[in-house]
C-alpha cells in the first residue's frame, strides 16, 4: 500500500489538489469481494443450520463480517484519495460509522429470514441494510478532515449512492435468501462455489461503486476565511489507522474462513458417521 501523500499547505494561489491511489482502490475492491464471498458462505450455513437451531449464530457472524467488511472497504477507499493538504480522521465518527453498518445489517438479515422470500420482505430488508450502509458511508466521510476547507454537497451522486446502496443490498439479500433455501441444498458443491465466486465479484463492484459514487457527492474547496491556526491537522494519523484496519480486516476474514473450514469438517465427519 502506498503512503499518504502530503505536499504542504494549499492556498488560494496554490489550490487544493486531490489524486487517487490505484493500489488503495484495488485493495478496497479486494476487501469488498472477499467479504462478499465469505458472507455468501455464511448465508448458506445459516440456512442449513436453521433446522438444528444454530442458524441465529451464523446470521450474527454474517452481520458482523459484512458490516465490518464494508466499513473496512469504505475506510481503505477513503485513503485512496490523496490531497496536497494534511488530512486526518476523527475517531468518534469513524467508530460510529462502523457500528452503523453492523447495527442495520443484522436486522435486515432478521427481516429476510423471518418468513417467505417475497418482494415486499426483500425491499424492506434492502431498505434497512441500504440505510445502514449509507449512514456508515456519510458518517465516515464526516470523520474525514482537511483543515482549511469547506465541503459542498453534490446532490446527484449523493442520491445515486443511496440508490446503489439499497439496490445492491436487495441483490445481496436475495442471494443470501437463495443460499439459505432448499434450492441451494439441491445444487452441486462446484456449482454453488462458482455461483458464489461470480456473485462476490459483482457484489464487490456494487459495494465499491457505491463508495466512490458517495465520495463524489462531497466536494472539498479551500476556505478563504480559515484562520491559520485551524489549518493544522488534528486527529488520527491516516497511515496508522490504515495499518490497524488492514490487519484487523484480514484477521477477521481469516477467522471467518477458519470457522467455515471447521464447520465443513464437522459436517463431513457427521455425514461419514451417518453413512458408515
C-alpha atoms as a PDB file:
ATOM      1  CA  UNK A   1       0.000   0.000   0.000  1.00  0.00           C
ATOM      2  CA  UNK A   2       1.304   3.389  -0.823  1.00  0.00           C
ATOM      3  CA  UNK A   3       1.545   6.029   1.864  1.00  0.00           C
ATOM      4  CA  UNK A   4      -0.487   9.153   2.414  1.00  0.00           C
ATOM      5  CA  UNK A   5       0.823  11.978   0.246  1.00  0.00           C
ATOM      6  CA  UNK A   6       1.163  15.458   1.704  1.00  0.00           C
ATOM      7  CA  UNK A   7       2.590  18.315  -0.349  1.00  0.00           C
ATOM      8  CA  UNK A   8       2.291  21.118   2.171  1.00  0.00           C
ATOM      9  CA  UNK A   9      -0.409  23.656   2.758  1.00  0.00           C
ATOM     10  CA  UNK A  10      -2.693  24.737  -0.068  1.00  0.00           C
ATOM     11  CA  UNK A  11      -3.661  28.364  -0.515  1.00  0.00           C
ATOM     12  CA  UNK A  12      -5.884  30.304  -2.863  1.00  0.00           C
ATOM     13  CA  UNK A  13      -2.810  30.758  -5.078  1.00  0.00           C
ATOM     14  CA  UNK A  14      -1.951  27.061  -4.804  1.00  0.00           C
ATOM     15  CA  UNK A  15      -5.366  25.352  -4.781  1.00  0.00           C
ATOM     16  CA  UNK A  16      -6.350  22.042  -3.283  1.00  0.00           C
ATOM     17  CA  UNK A  17      -5.164  19.144  -5.444  1.00  0.00           C
ATOM     18  CA  UNK A  18      -6.612  15.652  -4.953  1.00  0.00           C
ATOM     19  CA  UNK A  19      -5.458  12.491  -6.697  1.00  0.00           C
ATOM     20  CA  UNK A  20      -6.320   8.802  -6.408  1.00  0.00           C
ATOM     21  CA  UNK A  21      -4.126   5.866  -5.402  1.00  0.00           C
ATOM     22  CA  UNK A  22      -4.738   2.869  -7.664  1.00  0.00           C
ATOM     23  CA  UNK A  23      -3.319   0.485  -5.040  1.00  0.00           C
ATOM     24  CA  UNK A  24      -5.822   1.604  -2.392  1.00  0.00           C
ATOM     25  CA  UNK A  25      -8.683   1.480  -4.898  1.00  0.00           C
ATOM     26  CA  UNK A  26      -7.669  -2.062  -5.843  1.00  0.00           C
ATOM     27  CA  UNK A  27      -7.334  -3.093  -2.203  1.00  0.00           C
ATOM     28  CA  UNK A  28     -10.799  -1.734  -1.406  1.00  0.00           C
ATOM     29  CA  UNK A  29     -12.258  -3.892  -4.183  1.00  0.00           C
ATOM     30  CA  UNK A  30     -10.379  -6.971  -2.959  1.00  0.00           C
ATOM     31  CA  UNK A  31     -11.727  -6.469   0.574  1.00  0.00           C
ATOM     32  CA  UNK A  32     -15.281  -5.944  -0.733  1.00  0.00           C
ATOM     33  CA  UNK A  33     -15.095  -9.092  -2.877  1.00  0.00           C
ATOM     34  CA  UNK A  34     -13.605 -11.305  -0.144  1.00  0.00           C
ATOM     35  CA  UNK A  35     -16.172 -10.014   2.330  1.00  0.00           C
ATOM     36  CA  UNK A  36     -18.967 -10.742  -0.143  1.00  0.00           C
ATOM     37  CA  UNK A  37     -17.763 -14.292  -0.838  1.00  0.00           C
ATOM     38  CA  UNK A  38     -17.392 -15.208   2.832  1.00  0.00           C
ATOM     39  CA  UNK A  39     -20.786 -13.619   3.592  1.00  0.00           C
ATOM     40  CA  UNK A  40     -22.336 -15.826   0.907  1.00  0.00           C
ATOM     41  CA  UNK A  41     -20.692 -18.840   2.537  1.00  0.00           C
ATOM     42  CA  UNK A  42     -22.086 -17.849   5.932  1.00  0.00           C
ATOM     43  CA  UNK A  43     -25.542 -17.340   4.400  1.00  0.00           C
ATOM     44  CA  UNK A  44     -25.530 -20.935   3.182  1.00  0.00           C
ATOM     45  CA  UNK A  45     -24.555 -22.207   6.611  1.00  0.00           C
ATOM     46  CA  UNK A  46     -27.262 -20.110   8.257  1.00  0.00           C
ATOM     47  CA  UNK A  47     -29.839 -21.840   6.095  1.00  0.00           C
ATOM     48  CA  UNK A  48     -28.530 -25.342   6.748  1.00  0.00           C
ATOM     49  CA  UNK A  49     -28.277 -24.674  10.488  1.00  0.00           C
ATOM     50  CA  UNK A  50     -31.873 -23.458  10.895  1.00  0.00           C
ATOM     51  CA  UNK A  51     -33.095 -26.993  11.432  1.00  0.00           C
ATOM     52  CA  UNK A  52     -30.825 -27.550  14.445  1.00  0.00           C
ATOM     53  CA  UNK A  53     -31.322 -24.110  15.957  1.00  0.00           C
ATOM     54  CA  UNK A  54     -27.859 -22.660  15.275  1.00  0.00           C
ATOM     55  CA  UNK A  55     -28.813 -20.544  12.278  1.00  0.00           C
ATOM     56  CA  UNK A  56     -29.005 -17.479  14.513  1.00  0.00           C
ATOM     57  CA  UNK A  57     -25.277 -17.764  15.274  1.00  0.00           C
ATOM     58  CA  UNK A  58     -24.378 -17.716  11.585  1.00  0.00           C
ATOM     59  CA  UNK A  59     -26.653 -14.711  10.990  1.00  0.00           C
ATOM     60  CA  UNK A  60     -24.836 -12.768  13.724  1.00  0.00           C
ATOM     61  CA  UNK A  61     -21.484 -13.815  12.282  1.00  0.00           C
ATOM     62  CA  UNK A  62     -22.643 -12.802   8.816  1.00  0.00           C
ATOM     63  CA  UNK A  63     -23.856  -9.386  10.012  1.00  0.00           C
ATOM     64  CA  UNK A  64     -20.589  -8.706  11.842  1.00  0.00           C
ATOM     65  CA  UNK A  65     -18.440  -9.771   8.911  1.00  0.00           C
ATOM     66  CA  UNK A  66     -20.473  -8.000   6.243  1.00  0.00           C
ATOM     67  CA  UNK A  67     -20.889  -4.794   8.254  1.00  0.00           C
ATOM     68  CA  UNK A  68     -17.258  -4.580   9.272  1.00  0.00           C
ATOM     69  CA  UNK A  69     -16.013  -5.681   5.844  1.00  0.00           C
ATOM     70  CA  UNK A  70     -17.989  -2.948   4.086  1.00  0.00           C
ATOM     71  CA  UNK A  71     -16.769  -0.416   6.651  1.00  0.00           C
ATOM     72  CA  UNK A  72     -13.149  -1.514   6.140  1.00  0.00           C
ATOM     73  CA  UNK A  73     -13.556  -1.239   2.370  1.00  0.00           C
ATOM     74  CA  UNK A  74     -15.028   2.239   2.860  1.00  0.00           C
ATOM     75  CA  UNK A  75     -12.144   3.297   5.073  1.00  0.00           C
ATOM     76  CA  UNK A  76      -9.467   1.972   2.715  1.00  0.00           C
ATOM     77  CA  UNK A  77     -11.348   3.603  -0.163  1.00  0.00           C
ATOM     78  CA  UNK A  78     -11.196   6.956   1.612  1.00  0.00           C
ATOM     79  CA  UNK A  79      -7.436   6.582   1.960  1.00  0.00           C
ATOM     80  CA  UNK A  80      -7.285   6.242  -1.825  1.00  0.00           C
ATOM     81  CA  UNK A  81      -7.964   9.977  -2.008  1.00  0.00           C
ATOM     82  CA  UNK A  82      -4.674  11.850  -1.706  1.00  0.00           C
ATOM     83  CA  UNK A  83      -4.514  15.559  -1.033  1.00  0.00           C
ATOM     84  CA  UNK A  84      -1.811  18.226  -1.082  1.00  0.00           C
ATOM     85  CA  UNK A  85      -3.059  19.260   2.362  1.00  0.00           C
ATOM     86  CA  UNK A  86      -2.667  17.317   5.630  1.00  0.00           C
ATOM     87  CA  UNK A  87      -5.693  15.120   6.385  1.00  0.00           C
ATOM     88  CA  UNK A  88      -6.902  13.252   9.444  1.00  0.00           C
ATOM     89  CA  UNK A  89      -9.825  11.202  10.758  1.00  0.00           C
ATOM     90  CA  UNK A  90     -11.848  11.974  13.872  1.00  0.00           C
ATOM     91  CA  UNK A  91     -12.013   8.771  15.905  1.00  0.00           C
ATOM     92  CA  UNK A  92     -15.577   9.016  17.291  1.00  0.00           C
ATOM     93  CA  UNK A  93     -17.474   9.380  13.985  1.00  0.00           C
ATOM     94  CA  UNK A  94     -15.109   6.818  12.439  1.00  0.00           C
ATOM     95  CA  UNK A  95     -16.075   4.279  15.119  1.00  0.00           C
ATOM     96  CA  UNK A  96     -19.764   5.199  14.905  1.00  0.00           C
ATOM     97  CA  UNK A  97     -19.721   4.658  11.150  1.00  0.00           C
ATOM     98  CA  UNK A  98     -18.574   1.069  11.673  1.00  0.00           C
ATOM     99  CA  UNK A  99     -21.278   0.448  14.276  1.00  0.00           C
ATOM    100  CA  UNK A 100     -23.953   1.865  11.956  1.00  0.00           C
ATOM    101  CA  UNK A 101     -23.238  -0.733   9.285  1.00  0.00           C
ATOM    102  CA  UNK A 102     -23.398  -3.727  11.646  1.00  0.00           C
ATOM    103  CA  UNK A 103     -26.365  -2.311  13.591  1.00  0.00           C
ATOM    104  CA  UNK A 104     -28.573  -2.204  10.488  1.00  0.00           C
ATOM    105  CA  UNK A 105     -27.228  -5.179   8.511  1.00  0.00           C
ATOM    106  CA  UNK A 106     -28.234  -7.546  11.314  1.00  0.00           C
ATOM    107  CA  UNK A 107     -31.928  -6.513  11.489  1.00  0.00           C
ATOM    108  CA  UNK A 108     -32.014  -6.666   7.682  1.00  0.00           C
ATOM    109  CA  UNK A 109     -30.941 -10.322   7.885  1.00  0.00           C
ATOM    110  CA  UNK A 110     -33.540 -10.988  10.576  1.00  0.00           C
ATOM    111  CA  UNK A 111     -36.257  -9.459   8.393  1.00  0.00           C
ATOM    112  CA  UNK A 112     -35.083 -11.548   5.443  1.00  0.00           C
ATOM    113  CA  UNK A 113     -35.255 -14.840   7.351  1.00  0.00           C
ATOM    114  CA  UNK A 114     -38.442 -14.063   9.301  1.00  0.00           C
ATOM    115  CA  UNK A 115     -40.727 -15.537   6.619  1.00  0.00           C
ATOM    116  CA  UNK A 116     -41.078 -16.456   2.936  1.00  0.00           C
ATOM    117  CA  UNK A 117     -38.792 -14.626   0.492  1.00  0.00           C
ATOM    118  CA  UNK A 118     -41.229 -12.128  -1.033  1.00  0.00           C
ATOM    119  CA  UNK A 119     -40.585  -8.904  -2.926  1.00  0.00           C
ATOM    120  CA  UNK A 120     -42.012  -6.838  -0.071  1.00  0.00           C
ATOM    121  CA  UNK A 121     -39.807  -8.538   2.512  1.00  0.00           C
ATOM    122  CA  UNK A 122     -36.789  -8.179   0.255  1.00  0.00           C
ATOM    123  CA  UNK A 123     -37.492  -4.481  -0.341  1.00  0.00           C
ATOM    124  CA  UNK A 124     -37.872  -3.788   3.392  1.00  0.00           C
ATOM    125  CA  UNK A 125     -34.700  -5.672   4.283  1.00  0.00           C
ATOM    126  CA  UNK A 126     -32.843  -3.954   1.443  1.00  0.00           C
ATOM    127  CA  UNK A 127     -34.002  -0.527   2.599  1.00  0.00           C
ATOM    128  CA  UNK A 128     -32.810  -1.239   6.148  1.00  0.00           C
ATOM    129  CA  UNK A 129     -29.411  -2.581   5.038  1.00  0.00           C
ATOM    130  CA  UNK A 130     -29.006   0.179   2.433  1.00  0.00           C
ATOM    131  CA  UNK A 131     -29.770   2.812   5.060  1.00  0.00           C
ATOM    132  CA  UNK A 132     -27.106   1.334   7.318  1.00  0.00           C
ATOM    133  CA  UNK A 133     -24.522   1.319   4.547  1.00  0.00           C
ATOM    134  CA  UNK A 134     -25.390   4.904   3.578  1.00  0.00           C
ATOM    135  CA  UNK A 135     -25.223   6.043   7.213  1.00  0.00           C
ATOM    136  CA  UNK A 136     -21.874   4.291   7.577  1.00  0.00           C
ATOM    137  CA  UNK A 137     -20.530   5.989   4.477  1.00  0.00           C
ATOM    138  CA  UNK A 138     -21.539   9.539   5.304  1.00  0.00           C
ATOM    139  CA  UNK A 139     -20.608   9.239   8.989  1.00  0.00           C
ATOM    140  CA  UNK A 140     -17.203   8.073   7.803  1.00  0.00           C
ATOM    141  CA  UNK A 141     -16.977  10.987   5.395  1.00  0.00           C
ATOM    142  CA  UNK A 142     -17.904  13.347   8.241  1.00  0.00           C
ATOM    143  CA  UNK A 143     -14.915  11.971  10.161  1.00  0.00           C
ATOM    144  CA  UNK A 144     -12.560  12.945   7.325  1.00  0.00           C
ATOM    145  CA  UNK A 145     -10.937  16.310   7.907  1.00  0.00           C
ATOM    146  CA  UNK A 146      -8.964  18.574   5.575  1.00  0.00           C
ATOM    147  CA  UNK A 147      -8.274  21.660   7.706  1.00  0.00           C
ATOM    148  CA  UNK A 148      -8.844  24.943   5.931  1.00  0.00           C
ATOM    149  CA  UNK A 149     -11.519  23.583   3.595  1.00  0.00           C
ATOM    150  CA  UNK A 150     -15.284  23.561   3.405  1.00  0.00           C
ATOM    151  CA  UNK A 151     -17.477  20.817   1.975  1.00  0.00           C
ATOM    152  CA  UNK A 152     -20.095  21.294  -0.726  1.00  0.00           C
ATOM    153  CA  UNK A 153     -22.796  18.680  -1.324  1.00  0.00           C
ATOM    154  CA  UNK A 154     -23.381  17.453  -4.862  1.00  0.00           C
ATOM    155  CA  UNK A 155     -26.890  16.009  -4.785  1.00  0.00           C
ATOM    156  CA  UNK A 156     -26.878  13.819  -7.911  1.00  0.00           C
ATOM    157  CA  UNK A 157     -24.093  11.440  -6.784  1.00  0.00           C
ATOM    158  CA  UNK A 158     -25.408  11.552  -3.198  1.00  0.00           C
ATOM    159  CA  UNK A 159     -28.844  10.298  -4.247  1.00  0.00           C
ATOM    160  CA  UNK A 160     -27.238   7.842  -6.677  1.00  0.00           C
ATOM    161  CA  UNK A 161     -25.059   6.416  -3.893  1.00  0.00           C
ATOM    162  CA  UNK A 162     -28.100   5.796  -1.668  1.00  0.00           C
ATOM    163  CA  UNK A 163     -29.954   4.154  -4.569  1.00  0.00           C
ATOM    164  CA  UNK A 164     -26.934   1.929  -5.266  1.00  0.00           C
ATOM    165  CA  UNK A 165     -26.688   1.006  -1.569  1.00  0.00           C
ATOM    166  CA  UNK A 166     -30.351  -0.048  -1.399  1.00  0.00           C
ATOM    167  CA  UNK A 167     -30.274  -1.822  -4.771  1.00  0.00           C
ATOM    168  CA  UNK A 168     -27.040  -3.667  -4.013  1.00  0.00           C
ATOM    169  CA  UNK A 169     -28.403  -4.646  -0.591  1.00  0.00           C
ATOM    170  CA  UNK A 170     -31.532  -6.103  -2.173  1.00  0.00           C
ATOM    171  CA  UNK A 171     -29.476  -8.149  -4.642  1.00  0.00           C
ATOM    172  CA  UNK A 172     -27.146  -9.351  -1.884  1.00  0.00           C
ATOM    173  CA  UNK A 173     -30.057 -10.274   0.387  1.00  0.00           C
ATOM    174  CA  UNK A 174     -31.752 -12.112  -2.475  1.00  0.00           C
ATOM    175  CA  UNK A 175     -28.587 -14.179  -2.900  1.00  0.00           C
ATOM    176  CA  UNK A 176     -28.402 -14.745   0.868  1.00  0.00           C
ATOM    177  CA  UNK A 177     -32.020 -15.901   0.844  1.00  0.00           C
ATOM    178  CA  UNK A 178     -31.451 -18.301  -2.043  1.00  0.00           C
ATOM    179  CA  UNK A 179     -28.359 -19.785  -0.409  1.00  0.00           C
ATOM    180  CA  UNK A 180     -30.309 -20.301   2.825  1.00  0.00           C
ATOM    181  CA  UNK A 181     -33.185 -22.057   0.993  1.00  0.00           C
ATOM    182  CA  UNK A 182     -33.786 -25.630  -0.060  1.00  0.00           C
ATOM    183  CA  UNK A 183     -32.731 -24.664  -3.590  1.00  0.00           C
ATOM    184  CA  UNK A 184     -29.080 -24.451  -2.503  1.00  0.00           C
ATOM    185  CA  UNK A 185     -29.220 -27.911  -0.921  1.00  0.00           C
ATOM    186  CA  UNK A 186     -30.138 -29.391  -4.310  1.00  0.00           C
ATOM    187  CA  UNK A 187     -27.127 -27.904  -6.116  1.00  0.00           C
ATOM    188  CA  UNK A 188     -23.716 -29.488  -6.583  1.00  0.00           C
ATOM    189  CA  UNK A 189     -20.915 -28.048  -4.475  1.00  0.00           C
ATOM    190  CA  UNK A 190     -18.892 -26.947  -7.514  1.00  0.00           C
ATOM    191  CA  UNK A 191     -21.931 -25.162  -8.947  1.00  0.00           C
ATOM    192  CA  UNK A 192     -22.530 -23.311  -5.695  1.00  0.00           C
ATOM    193  CA  UNK A 193     -18.903 -22.254  -5.340  1.00  0.00           C
ATOM    194  CA  UNK A 194     -18.830 -20.979  -8.908  1.00  0.00           C
ATOM    195  CA  UNK A 195     -22.059 -19.035  -8.373  1.00  0.00           C
ATOM    196  CA  UNK A 196     -20.767 -17.569  -5.107  1.00  0.00           C
ATOM    197  CA  UNK A 197     -17.476 -16.521  -6.704  1.00  0.00           C
ATOM    198  CA  UNK A 198     -19.247 -14.796  -9.593  1.00  0.00           C
ATOM    199  CA  UNK A 199     -21.756 -13.157  -7.250  1.00  0.00           C
ATOM    200  CA  UNK A 200     -18.938 -11.948  -4.973  1.00  0.00           C
ATOM    201  CA  UNK A 201     -17.152 -10.302  -7.916  1.00  0.00           C
ATOM    202  CA  UNK A 202     -20.352  -8.491  -8.890  1.00  0.00           C
ATOM    203  CA  UNK A 203     -21.146  -7.527  -5.292  1.00  0.00           C
ATOM    204  CA  UNK A 204     -17.612  -6.171  -4.935  1.00  0.00           C
ATOM    205  CA  UNK A 205     -18.230  -3.869  -7.896  1.00  0.00           C
ATOM    206  CA  UNK A 206     -21.554  -2.694  -6.417  1.00  0.00           C
ATOM    207  CA  UNK A 207     -20.123  -2.041  -2.939  1.00  0.00           C
ATOM    208  CA  UNK A 208     -17.088  -0.133  -4.172  1.00  0.00           C
ATOM    209  CA  UNK A 209     -19.231   1.636  -6.775  1.00  0.00           C
ATOM    210  CA  UNK A 210     -21.494   2.935  -4.026  1.00  0.00           C
ATOM    211  CA  UNK A 211     -18.497   4.126  -2.051  1.00  0.00           C
ATOM    212  CA  UNK A 212     -16.799   6.062  -4.828  1.00  0.00           C
ATOM    213  CA  UNK A 213     -20.104   7.497  -6.026  1.00  0.00           C
ATOM    214  CA  UNK A 214     -20.703   8.698  -2.485  1.00  0.00           C
ATOM    215  CA  UNK A 215     -17.260  10.255  -2.299  1.00  0.00           C
ATOM    216  CA  UNK A 216     -18.065  12.216  -5.451  1.00  0.00           C
ATOM    217  CA  UNK A 217     -21.025  13.728  -3.560  1.00  0.00           C
ATOM    218  CA  UNK A 218     -18.681  15.720  -1.305  1.00  0.00           C
ATOM    219  CA  UNK A 219     -16.621  18.455  -2.933  1.00  0.00           C
ATOM    220  CA  UNK A 220     -13.827  19.977  -0.840  1.00  0.00           C
ATOM    221  CA  UNK A 221     -12.853  23.598  -1.541  1.00  0.00           C
ATOM    222  CA  UNK A 222     -10.397  25.998   0.073  1.00  0.00           C
ATOM    223  CA  UNK A 223     -11.979  28.218   2.728  1.00  0.00           C
ATOM    224  CA  UNK A 224     -10.519  31.708   2.178  1.00  0.00           C
ATOM    225  CA  UNK A 225     -11.675  32.757   5.658  1.00  0.00           C
ATOM    226  CA  UNK A 226      -9.977  29.918   7.523  1.00  0.00           C
ATOM    227  CA  UNK A 227      -7.724  31.045  10.362  1.00  0.00           C
ATOM    228  CA  UNK A 228      -4.089  29.901  10.141  1.00  0.00           C
ATOM    229  CA  UNK A 229      -4.426  28.162  13.499  1.00  0.00           C
ATOM    230  CA  UNK A 230      -7.205  25.989  12.060  1.00  0.00           C
ATOM    231  CA  UNK A 231      -5.151  24.890   9.065  1.00  0.00           C
ATOM    232  CA  UNK A 232      -3.176  22.328  11.066  1.00  0.00           C
ATOM    233  CA  UNK A 233      -4.438  18.748  11.103  1.00  0.00           C
ATOM    234  CA  UNK A 234      -5.634  17.348  14.438  1.00  0.00           C
ATOM    235  CA  UNK A 235      -6.804  13.767  14.708  1.00  0.00           C
ATOM    236  CA  UNK A 236      -5.771  10.208  13.975  1.00  0.00           C
ATOM    237  CA  UNK A 237      -2.929   9.624  11.550  1.00  0.00           C
ATOM    238  CA  UNK A 238      -4.366   8.022   8.377  1.00  0.00           C
ATOM    239  CA  UNK A 239      -1.369   5.740   7.784  1.00  0.00           C
ATOM    240  CA  UNK A 240      -1.561   4.279  11.300  1.00  0.00           C
ATOM    241  CA  UNK A 241      -5.326   3.779  11.037  1.00  0.00           C
ATOM    242  CA  UNK A 242      -4.859   2.131   7.631  1.00  0.00           C
ATOM    243  CA  UNK A 243      -2.405  -0.351   9.144  1.00  0.00           C
ATOM    244  CA  UNK A 244      -4.729  -1.156  12.054  1.00  0.00           C
ATOM    245  CA  UNK A 245      -7.787  -1.541   9.811  1.00  0.00           C
ATOM    246  CA  UNK A 246      -5.879  -3.680   7.322  1.00  0.00           C
ATOM    247  CA  UNK A 247      -4.526  -6.052   9.977  1.00  0.00           C
ATOM    248  CA  UNK A 248      -7.873  -6.403  11.784  1.00  0.00           C
ATOM    249  CA  UNK A 249      -9.718  -6.931   8.489  1.00  0.00           C
ATOM    250  CA  UNK A 250      -7.550  -9.801   7.330  1.00  0.00           C
ATOM    251  CA  UNK A 251      -7.533 -11.333  10.815  1.00  0.00           C
ATOM    252  CA  UNK A 252     -11.342 -11.230  10.819  1.00  0.00           C
ATOM    253  CA  UNK A 253     -11.538 -12.711   7.337  1.00  0.00           C
ATOM    254  CA  UNK A 254      -9.062 -15.401   8.372  1.00  0.00           C
ATOM    255  CA  UNK A 255     -11.140 -16.200  11.460  1.00  0.00           C
ATOM    256  CA  UNK A 256     -14.269 -16.485   9.329  1.00  0.00           C
ATOM    257  CA  UNK A 257     -12.533 -18.801   6.856  1.00  0.00           C
ATOM    258  CA  UNK A 258     -11.243 -20.950   9.743  1.00  0.00           C
ATOM    259  CA  UNK A 259     -14.748 -21.189  11.244  1.00  0.00           C
ATOM    260  CA  UNK A 260     -16.177 -22.182   7.871  1.00  0.00           C
ATOM    261  CA  UNK A 261     -13.463 -24.827   7.395  1.00  0.00           C
ATOM    262  CA  UNK A 262     -14.069 -26.266  10.870  1.00  0.00           C
ATOM    263  CA  UNK A 263     -17.836 -26.338  10.267  1.00  0.00           C
ATOM    264  CA  UNK A 264     -17.276 -28.074   6.916  1.00  0.00           C
ATOM    265  CA  UNK A 265     -15.029 -30.648   8.563  1.00  0.00           C
ATOM    266  CA  UNK A 266     -17.563 -31.367  11.290  1.00  0.00           C
ATOM    267  CA  UNK A 267     -20.389 -31.668   8.740  1.00  0.00           C
ATOM    268  CA  UNK A 268     -18.329 -34.109   6.672  1.00  0.00           C
ATOM    269  CA  UNK A 269     -17.484 -36.163   9.756  1.00  0.00           C
ATOM    270  CA  UNK A 270     -21.157 -36.368  10.758  1.00  0.00           C
ATOM    271  CA  UNK A 271     -22.086 -37.376   7.220  1.00  0.00           C
ATOM    272  CA  UNK A 272     -19.416 -40.096   7.143  1.00  0.00           C
ATOM    273  CA  UNK A 273     -20.591 -41.397  10.523  1.00  0.00           C
ATOM    274  CA  UNK A 274     -24.198 -41.489   9.365  1.00  0.00           C
ATOM    275  CA  UNK A 275     -23.405 -43.358   6.170  1.00  0.00           C
ATOM    276  CA  UNK A 276     -20.609 -45.528   7.568  1.00  0.00           C
END
